[in-house]
């Protein structure tokens, strides 16, 4: 989601990714909450509920950070758990969702009550938990 007025990314709203007809929706909010959904957000519907924001949010079909991954096959999905060497880190235990392709990787993390998109290797203090996303549930 971006602001109509200047095109800036609105990090408070869910990040919506499309993979061969499947829509994955990721949203961090509060300090330690993560929501992951599938095919629940209608990105063609008008946006409401953001009246306190001074600009107009609108769904966007592109993000320059993710352009290198468009059309690439998703190889792996991982849950990344922040486990810093300093136990006095307020973010200890927060989660990110990582996506790995042949051409690189990115993850969507909690940036203290909003989403962040980071391209490249995750920080070494993230513990990686590989998800078998190709297995179907009964």
N, C-alpha and C. Protein backbone atom coordinates (compact mmCIF):
# COMPACT_ATOMS: atom_id res chain seq x y z
N UNK A 1 0.84 -1.17 0.00
CA UNK A 1 0.00 0.00 0.00
C UNK A 1 0.89 1.24 0.00
N UNK A 2 0.49 2.20 -0.80
CA UNK A 2 1.25 3.45 -0.92
C UNK A 2 0.30 4.63 -0.77
N UNK A 3 0.88 5.79 -0.49
CA UNK A 3 0.08 7.00 -0.43
C UNK A 3 -0.09 7.58 -1.82
N UNK A 4 -1.30 7.96 -2.15
CA UNK A 4 -1.61 8.51 -3.47
C UNK A 4 -0.82 9.80 -3.72
N UNK A 5 -0.69 10.63 -2.70
CA UNK A 5 -0.11 11.95 -2.89
C UNK A 5 1.37 11.93 -3.28
N UNK A 6 2.15 11.04 -2.67
CA UNK A 6 3.60 11.06 -2.95
C UNK A 6 4.20 9.70 -3.31
N UNK A 7 3.39 8.64 -3.30
CA UNK A 7 3.87 7.31 -3.66
C UNK A 7 4.67 6.61 -2.57
N UNK A 8 4.80 7.22 -1.39
CA UNK A 8 5.54 6.58 -0.29
C UNK A 8 4.81 5.34 0.20
N UNK A 9 5.60 4.37 0.63
CA UNK A 9 5.06 3.12 1.15
C UNK A 9 4.41 3.36 2.51
N UNK A 10 3.24 2.75 2.76
CA UNK A 10 2.53 2.86 4.03
C UNK A 10 2.81 1.58 4.81
N UNK A 11 3.78 1.61 5.69
CA UNK A 11 4.29 0.43 6.39
C UNK A 11 3.34 -0.12 7.44
N UNK A 12 2.29 0.61 7.80
CA UNK A 12 1.34 0.12 8.80
C UNK A 12 0.37 -0.91 8.25
N UNK A 13 0.22 -0.95 6.95
CA UNK A 13 -0.77 -1.83 6.32
C UNK A 13 -0.16 -3.16 5.93
N UNK A 14 -1.00 -4.18 5.72
CA UNK A 14 -0.47 -5.49 5.34
C UNK A 14 0.34 -5.44 4.05
N UNK A 15 1.35 -6.30 3.98
CA UNK A 15 2.10 -6.52 2.75
C UNK A 15 1.41 -7.69 2.05
N UNK A 16 1.00 -7.48 0.82
CA UNK A 16 0.27 -8.50 0.07
C UNK A 16 1.16 -8.98 -1.08
N UNK A 17 1.42 -10.28 -1.10
CA UNK A 17 2.27 -10.89 -2.14
C UNK A 17 1.43 -11.88 -2.94
N UNK A 18 1.71 -11.96 -4.24
CA UNK A 18 0.97 -12.88 -5.11
C UNK A 18 1.92 -13.94 -5.65
N UNK A 19 1.51 -15.22 -5.49
CA UNK A 19 2.28 -16.36 -5.98
C UNK A 19 1.35 -17.28 -6.74
N UNK A 20 1.41 -17.25 -8.06
CA UNK A 20 0.63 -18.17 -8.90
C UNK A 20 -0.82 -18.33 -8.42
N UNK A 21 -1.52 -17.24 -8.28
CA UNK A 21 -2.93 -17.29 -7.90
C UNK A 21 -3.19 -17.36 -6.41
N UNK A 22 -2.16 -17.43 -5.60
CA UNK A 22 -2.32 -17.44 -4.15
C UNK A 22 -1.82 -16.12 -3.61
N UNK A 23 -2.64 -15.49 -2.80
CA UNK A 23 -2.28 -14.21 -2.21
C UNK A 23 -1.89 -14.45 -0.74
N UNK A 24 -0.71 -14.01 -0.36
CA UNK A 24 -0.24 -14.12 1.02
C UNK A 24 -0.23 -12.72 1.62
N UNK A 25 -0.79 -12.58 2.81
CA UNK A 25 -0.92 -11.28 3.46
C UNK A 25 -0.19 -11.32 4.80
N UNK A 26 0.73 -10.39 4.98
CA UNK A 26 1.57 -10.37 6.18
C UNK A 26 1.45 -9.01 6.83
N UNK A 27 1.22 -8.99 8.13
CA UNK A 27 1.11 -7.71 8.81
C UNK A 27 1.61 -7.83 10.24
N UNK A 28 2.57 -6.98 10.58
CA UNK A 28 3.04 -6.85 11.96
C UNK A 28 2.33 -5.65 12.57
N UNK A 29 1.87 -5.83 13.79
CA UNK A 29 1.30 -4.70 14.50
C UNK A 29 1.57 -4.89 15.97
N UNK A 30 1.36 -3.84 16.71
CA UNK A 30 1.80 -3.79 18.10
C UNK A 30 3.28 -4.12 18.11
N UNK A 31 3.79 -4.47 19.23
CA UNK A 31 5.23 -4.73 19.29
C UNK A 31 5.57 -6.16 18.92
N UNK A 32 4.63 -7.08 19.15
CA UNK A 32 4.99 -8.49 19.01
C UNK A 32 3.92 -9.35 18.34
N UNK A 33 3.06 -8.75 17.54
CA UNK A 33 2.01 -9.53 16.91
C UNK A 33 2.23 -9.60 15.40
N UNK A 34 1.98 -10.78 14.87
CA UNK A 34 2.15 -11.05 13.44
C UNK A 34 0.91 -11.77 12.94
N UNK A 35 0.38 -11.30 11.83
CA UNK A 35 -0.75 -11.95 11.18
C UNK A 35 -0.31 -12.41 9.80
N UNK A 36 -0.60 -13.66 9.47
CA UNK A 36 -0.34 -14.21 8.14
C UNK A 36 -1.67 -14.76 7.63
N UNK A 37 -2.10 -14.28 6.48
CA UNK A 37 -3.37 -14.73 5.92
C UNK A 37 -3.21 -15.12 4.47
N UNK A 38 -4.22 -15.81 3.96
CA UNK A 38 -4.23 -16.25 2.57
C UNK A 38 -5.56 -15.87 1.95
N UNK A 39 -5.49 -15.09 0.88
CA UNK A 39 -6.66 -14.77 0.07
C UNK A 39 -7.82 -14.16 0.85
N UNK A 40 -7.54 -13.29 1.81
CA UNK A 40 -8.62 -12.69 2.60
C UNK A 40 -8.81 -11.20 2.31
N UNK A 41 -7.83 -10.53 1.73
CA UNK A 41 -7.91 -9.09 1.49
C UNK A 41 -8.28 -8.83 0.04
N UNK A 42 -9.31 -8.03 -0.15
CA UNK A 42 -9.71 -7.63 -1.50
C UNK A 42 -8.99 -6.33 -1.84
N UNK A 43 -7.93 -6.44 -2.62
CA UNK A 43 -7.13 -5.26 -2.96
C UNK A 43 -7.78 -4.41 -4.04
N UNK A 44 -8.97 -4.80 -4.52
CA UNK A 44 -9.71 -3.96 -5.46
C UNK A 44 -10.74 -3.09 -4.75
N UNK A 45 -10.99 -3.38 -3.48
CA UNK A 45 -11.98 -2.62 -2.71
C UNK A 45 -11.41 -1.29 -2.24
N UNK A 46 -12.30 -0.34 -2.03
CA UNK A 46 -11.88 0.96 -1.51
C UNK A 46 -11.36 0.79 -0.08
N UNK A 47 -10.38 1.58 0.27
CA UNK A 47 -9.76 1.51 1.60
C UNK A 47 -10.47 2.47 2.53
N UNK A 48 -10.82 1.97 3.71
CA UNK A 48 -11.45 2.84 4.71
C UNK A 48 -10.84 2.54 6.07
N UNK A 49 -11.11 3.40 7.02
CA UNK A 49 -10.62 3.19 8.37
C UNK A 49 -9.30 3.86 8.67
N UNK A 50 -8.78 4.63 7.74
CA UNK A 50 -7.50 5.32 7.95
C UNK A 50 -7.70 6.84 7.95
N UNK A 51 -8.83 7.28 8.46
CA UNK A 51 -9.15 8.71 8.44
C UNK A 51 -8.16 9.56 9.23
N UNK A 52 -7.49 8.96 10.21
CA UNK A 52 -6.52 9.71 11.03
C UNK A 52 -5.21 9.97 10.28
N UNK A 53 -4.99 9.29 9.16
CA UNK A 53 -3.79 9.47 8.36
C UNK A 53 -3.99 10.69 7.46
N UNK A 54 -3.00 11.55 7.38
CA UNK A 54 -3.13 12.80 6.63
C UNK A 54 -3.11 12.61 5.12
N UNK A 55 -2.64 11.46 4.63
CA UNK A 55 -2.61 11.20 3.20
C UNK A 55 -3.59 10.08 2.86
N UNK A 56 -3.76 9.82 1.57
CA UNK A 56 -4.72 8.83 1.11
C UNK A 56 -4.01 7.52 0.75
N UNK A 57 -4.24 6.44 1.50
CA UNK A 57 -3.61 5.16 1.15
C UNK A 57 -4.36 4.46 0.02
N UNK A 58 -3.61 3.76 -0.82
CA UNK A 58 -4.20 2.99 -1.92
C UNK A 58 -3.35 1.75 -2.16
N UNK A 59 -3.98 0.66 -2.59
CA UNK A 59 -3.23 -0.54 -2.90
C UNK A 59 -2.33 -0.28 -4.10
N UNK A 60 -1.15 -0.87 -4.07
CA UNK A 60 -0.18 -0.70 -5.14
C UNK A 60 0.21 -2.08 -5.66
N UNK A 61 0.47 -2.18 -6.95
CA UNK A 61 0.85 -3.47 -7.55
C UNK A 61 2.34 -3.71 -7.57
N UNK A 62 3.13 -2.75 -7.14
CA UNK A 62 4.58 -2.92 -7.27
C UNK A 62 5.33 -2.28 -6.11
N UNK A 63 6.48 -2.84 -5.84
CA UNK A 63 7.41 -2.29 -4.88
C UNK A 63 8.80 -2.49 -5.45
N UNK A 64 9.53 -1.41 -5.59
CA UNK A 64 10.85 -1.48 -6.25
C UNK A 64 11.79 -2.46 -5.56
N UNK A 65 11.65 -2.65 -4.26
CA UNK A 65 12.52 -3.59 -3.54
C UNK A 65 12.27 -5.03 -3.95
N UNK A 66 11.05 -5.31 -4.37
CA UNK A 66 10.67 -6.70 -4.70
C UNK A 66 10.68 -6.99 -6.20
N UNK A 67 10.92 -5.98 -7.03
CA UNK A 67 10.94 -6.17 -8.48
C UNK A 67 11.86 -7.31 -8.94
N UNK A 68 13.07 -7.49 -8.34
CA UNK A 68 13.95 -8.57 -8.81
C UNK A 68 13.35 -9.97 -8.62
N UNK A 69 12.30 -10.12 -7.81
CA UNK A 69 11.74 -11.43 -7.53
C UNK A 69 10.49 -11.74 -8.37
N UNK A 70 9.98 -10.74 -9.08
CA UNK A 70 8.79 -10.94 -9.89
C UNK A 70 9.09 -11.97 -10.98
N UNK A 71 8.22 -12.97 -11.07
CA UNK A 71 8.38 -14.03 -12.07
C UNK A 71 9.33 -15.14 -11.66
N UNK A 72 10.00 -15.00 -10.52
CA UNK A 72 10.92 -16.03 -10.03
C UNK A 72 10.16 -17.10 -9.25
N UNK A 73 10.70 -18.30 -9.25
CA UNK A 73 10.08 -19.39 -8.49
C UNK A 73 10.50 -19.30 -7.02
N UNK A 74 9.51 -19.36 -6.15
CA UNK A 74 9.75 -19.36 -4.71
C UNK A 74 10.34 -20.72 -4.32
N UNK A 75 11.50 -20.73 -3.68
CA UNK A 75 12.19 -21.96 -3.31
C UNK A 75 11.96 -22.37 -1.86
N UNK A 76 11.85 -21.38 -1.00
CA UNK A 76 11.73 -21.70 0.43
C UNK A 76 11.07 -20.55 1.17
N UNK A 77 10.32 -20.91 2.20
CA UNK A 77 9.74 -19.93 3.12
C UNK A 77 10.26 -20.29 4.50
N UNK A 78 10.64 -19.28 5.26
CA UNK A 78 11.18 -19.54 6.60
C UNK A 78 10.59 -18.54 7.59
N UNK A 79 10.34 -19.02 8.78
CA UNK A 79 9.97 -18.17 9.90
C UNK A 79 11.27 -17.78 10.57
N UNK A 80 11.52 -16.50 10.72
CA UNK A 80 12.75 -16.01 11.32
C UNK A 80 12.43 -15.45 12.70
N UNK A 81 13.12 -15.96 13.70
CA UNK A 81 12.89 -15.55 15.09
C UNK A 81 14.10 -14.75 15.57
N UNK A 82 13.86 -13.54 16.01
CA UNK A 82 14.94 -12.66 16.48
C UNK A 82 15.40 -13.15 17.85
N UNK A 83 16.64 -13.63 17.90
CA UNK A 83 17.26 -14.11 19.15
C UNK A 83 18.61 -13.43 19.30
N UNK A 84 18.63 -12.21 19.81
CA UNK A 84 19.88 -11.45 19.91
C UNK A 84 20.79 -11.96 21.00
N UNK A 85 22.08 -11.68 20.85
CA UNK A 85 23.05 -12.09 21.87
C UNK A 85 22.82 -11.33 23.17
N UNK A 86 22.27 -10.14 23.09
CA UNK A 86 21.94 -9.37 24.29
C UNK A 86 20.50 -9.66 24.67
N UNK A 87 20.27 -10.24 25.81
CA UNK A 87 18.91 -10.57 26.26
C UNK A 87 18.15 -9.34 26.73
N UNK A 88 18.76 -8.18 26.64
CA UNK A 88 18.09 -6.94 27.02
C UNK A 88 17.51 -6.24 25.81
N UNK A 89 17.42 -6.93 24.70
CA UNK A 89 16.87 -6.40 23.46
C UNK A 89 15.35 -6.55 23.51
N UNK A 90 14.64 -5.43 23.43
CA UNK A 90 13.18 -5.46 23.50
C UNK A 90 12.55 -6.27 22.37
N UNK A 91 13.24 -6.42 21.27
CA UNK A 91 12.70 -7.15 20.13
C UNK A 91 12.91 -8.66 20.23
N UNK A 92 13.55 -9.13 21.29
CA UNK A 92 13.84 -10.55 21.47
C UNK A 92 12.56 -11.37 21.29
N UNK A 93 12.60 -12.33 20.37
CA UNK A 93 11.47 -13.23 20.13
C UNK A 93 10.52 -12.77 19.04
N UNK A 94 10.71 -11.57 18.51
CA UNK A 94 9.83 -11.14 17.43
C UNK A 94 10.10 -11.96 16.17
N UNK A 95 9.13 -11.99 15.27
CA UNK A 95 9.19 -12.87 14.11
C UNK A 95 9.20 -12.10 12.80
N UNK A 96 9.81 -12.71 11.81
CA UNK A 96 9.79 -12.22 10.43
C UNK A 96 9.47 -13.41 9.54
N UNK A 97 9.02 -13.13 8.35
CA UNK A 97 8.74 -14.18 7.38
C UNK A 97 9.69 -13.98 6.20
N UNK A 98 10.50 -15.02 5.90
CA UNK A 98 11.50 -14.93 4.85
C UNK A 98 11.09 -15.70 3.61
N UNK A 99 11.42 -15.15 2.45
CA UNK A 99 11.11 -15.76 1.16
C UNK A 99 12.41 -15.89 0.39
N UNK A 100 12.72 -17.12 -0.08
CA UNK A 100 13.98 -17.38 -0.73
C UNK A 100 13.73 -17.84 -2.17
N UNK A 101 14.46 -17.20 -3.10
CA UNK A 101 14.38 -17.47 -4.53
C UNK A 101 15.78 -17.80 -5.01
N UNK A 102 15.90 -18.32 -6.23
CA UNK A 102 17.23 -18.57 -6.80
C UNK A 102 18.05 -17.30 -6.90
N UNK A 103 17.39 -16.18 -7.15
CA UNK A 103 18.08 -14.92 -7.39
C UNK A 103 18.31 -14.09 -6.13
N UNK A 104 17.84 -14.55 -4.99
CA UNK A 104 18.03 -13.78 -3.76
C UNK A 104 16.92 -14.05 -2.77
N UNK A 105 16.82 -13.17 -1.80
CA UNK A 105 15.84 -13.37 -0.73
C UNK A 105 15.42 -12.04 -0.14
N UNK A 106 14.26 -12.08 0.51
CA UNK A 106 13.81 -10.93 1.28
C UNK A 106 13.01 -11.43 2.46
N UNK A 107 12.84 -10.57 3.45
CA UNK A 107 11.98 -10.92 4.57
C UNK A 107 11.18 -9.71 5.01
N UNK A 108 10.04 -10.01 5.60
CA UNK A 108 9.15 -8.97 6.11
C UNK A 108 9.17 -9.12 7.62
N UNK A 109 9.63 -8.07 8.30
CA UNK A 109 9.87 -8.13 9.75
C UNK A 109 9.05 -7.07 10.48
N UNK A 110 9.03 -7.20 11.79
CA UNK A 110 8.38 -6.23 12.65
C UNK A 110 9.35 -5.07 12.88
N UNK A 111 8.93 -3.89 12.48
CA UNK A 111 9.75 -2.69 12.67
C UNK A 111 9.10 -1.82 13.74
N UNK A 112 8.84 -2.44 14.88
CA UNK A 112 8.22 -1.75 16.01
C UNK A 112 6.86 -1.16 15.63
N UNK A 113 5.88 -2.03 15.48
CA UNK A 113 4.50 -1.69 15.20
C UNK A 113 4.23 -1.36 13.74
N UNK A 114 5.08 -1.80 12.85
CA UNK A 114 4.82 -1.68 11.43
C UNK A 114 5.67 -2.72 10.69
N UNK A 115 5.45 -2.84 9.41
CA UNK A 115 6.19 -3.80 8.59
C UNK A 115 7.47 -3.17 8.04
N UNK A 116 8.48 -4.01 7.90
CA UNK A 116 9.67 -3.60 7.15
C UNK A 116 9.96 -4.69 6.13
N UNK A 117 10.45 -4.27 4.97
CA UNK A 117 10.86 -5.20 3.93
C UNK A 117 12.37 -5.08 3.80
N UNK A 118 13.06 -6.18 4.04
CA UNK A 118 14.52 -6.20 3.96
C UNK A 118 14.93 -7.19 2.88
N UNK A 119 15.73 -6.73 1.93
CA UNK A 119 16.21 -7.58 0.84
C UNK A 119 17.63 -8.03 1.18
N UNK A 120 17.92 -9.31 0.90
CA UNK A 120 19.25 -9.87 1.18
C UNK A 120 19.20 -10.81 2.37
N UNK A 121 20.37 -11.23 2.79
CA UNK A 121 20.49 -12.14 3.93
C UNK A 121 19.91 -11.50 5.19
N UNK A 122 19.23 -12.30 5.98
CA UNK A 122 18.72 -11.82 7.26
C UNK A 122 19.89 -11.64 8.24
N UNK A 123 19.72 -10.75 9.17
CA UNK A 123 20.73 -10.52 10.20
C UNK A 123 21.06 -11.85 10.87
N UNK A 124 22.32 -12.09 11.21
CA UNK A 124 22.72 -13.38 11.79
C UNK A 124 22.06 -13.71 13.13
N UNK A 125 21.47 -12.74 13.79
CA UNK A 125 20.82 -13.04 15.07
C UNK A 125 19.37 -13.50 14.89
N UNK A 126 18.93 -13.65 13.65
CA UNK A 126 17.66 -14.32 13.39
C UNK A 126 17.91 -15.82 13.37
N UNK A 127 17.08 -16.58 14.06
CA UNK A 127 17.10 -18.05 14.01
C UNK A 127 16.09 -18.45 12.94
N UNK A 128 16.55 -19.25 11.99
CA UNK A 128 15.72 -19.63 10.85
C UNK A 128 15.01 -20.95 11.12
N UNK A 129 13.68 -20.93 10.94
CA UNK A 129 12.85 -22.12 11.06
C UNK A 129 12.22 -22.33 9.68
N UNK A 130 12.74 -23.31 8.95
CA UNK A 130 12.26 -23.56 7.58
C UNK A 130 10.84 -24.11 7.64
N UNK A 131 9.97 -23.59 6.75
CA UNK A 131 8.57 -24.03 6.67
C UNK A 131 8.40 -24.87 5.42
N UNK A 132 7.72 -25.99 5.56
CA UNK A 132 7.42 -26.81 4.39
C UNK A 132 6.10 -26.32 3.83
N UNK A 133 6.17 -25.25 3.04
CA UNK A 133 4.98 -24.58 2.53
C UNK A 133 4.32 -25.35 1.39
N UNK A 134 4.96 -26.36 0.85
CA UNK A 134 4.37 -27.12 -0.25
C UNK A 134 3.48 -28.25 0.23
N UNK A 135 3.53 -28.56 1.52
CA UNK A 135 2.70 -29.61 2.07
C UNK A 135 1.28 -29.09 2.26
N UNK A 136 0.30 -29.82 1.76
CA UNK A 136 -1.08 -29.41 1.92
C UNK A 136 -1.66 -30.01 3.19
N UNK A 137 -2.48 -29.23 3.87
CA UNK A 137 -3.15 -29.71 5.08
C UNK A 137 -4.40 -30.48 4.70
N UNK A 138 -4.73 -31.50 5.48
CA UNK A 138 -5.97 -32.27 5.26
C UNK A 138 -7.14 -31.56 5.88
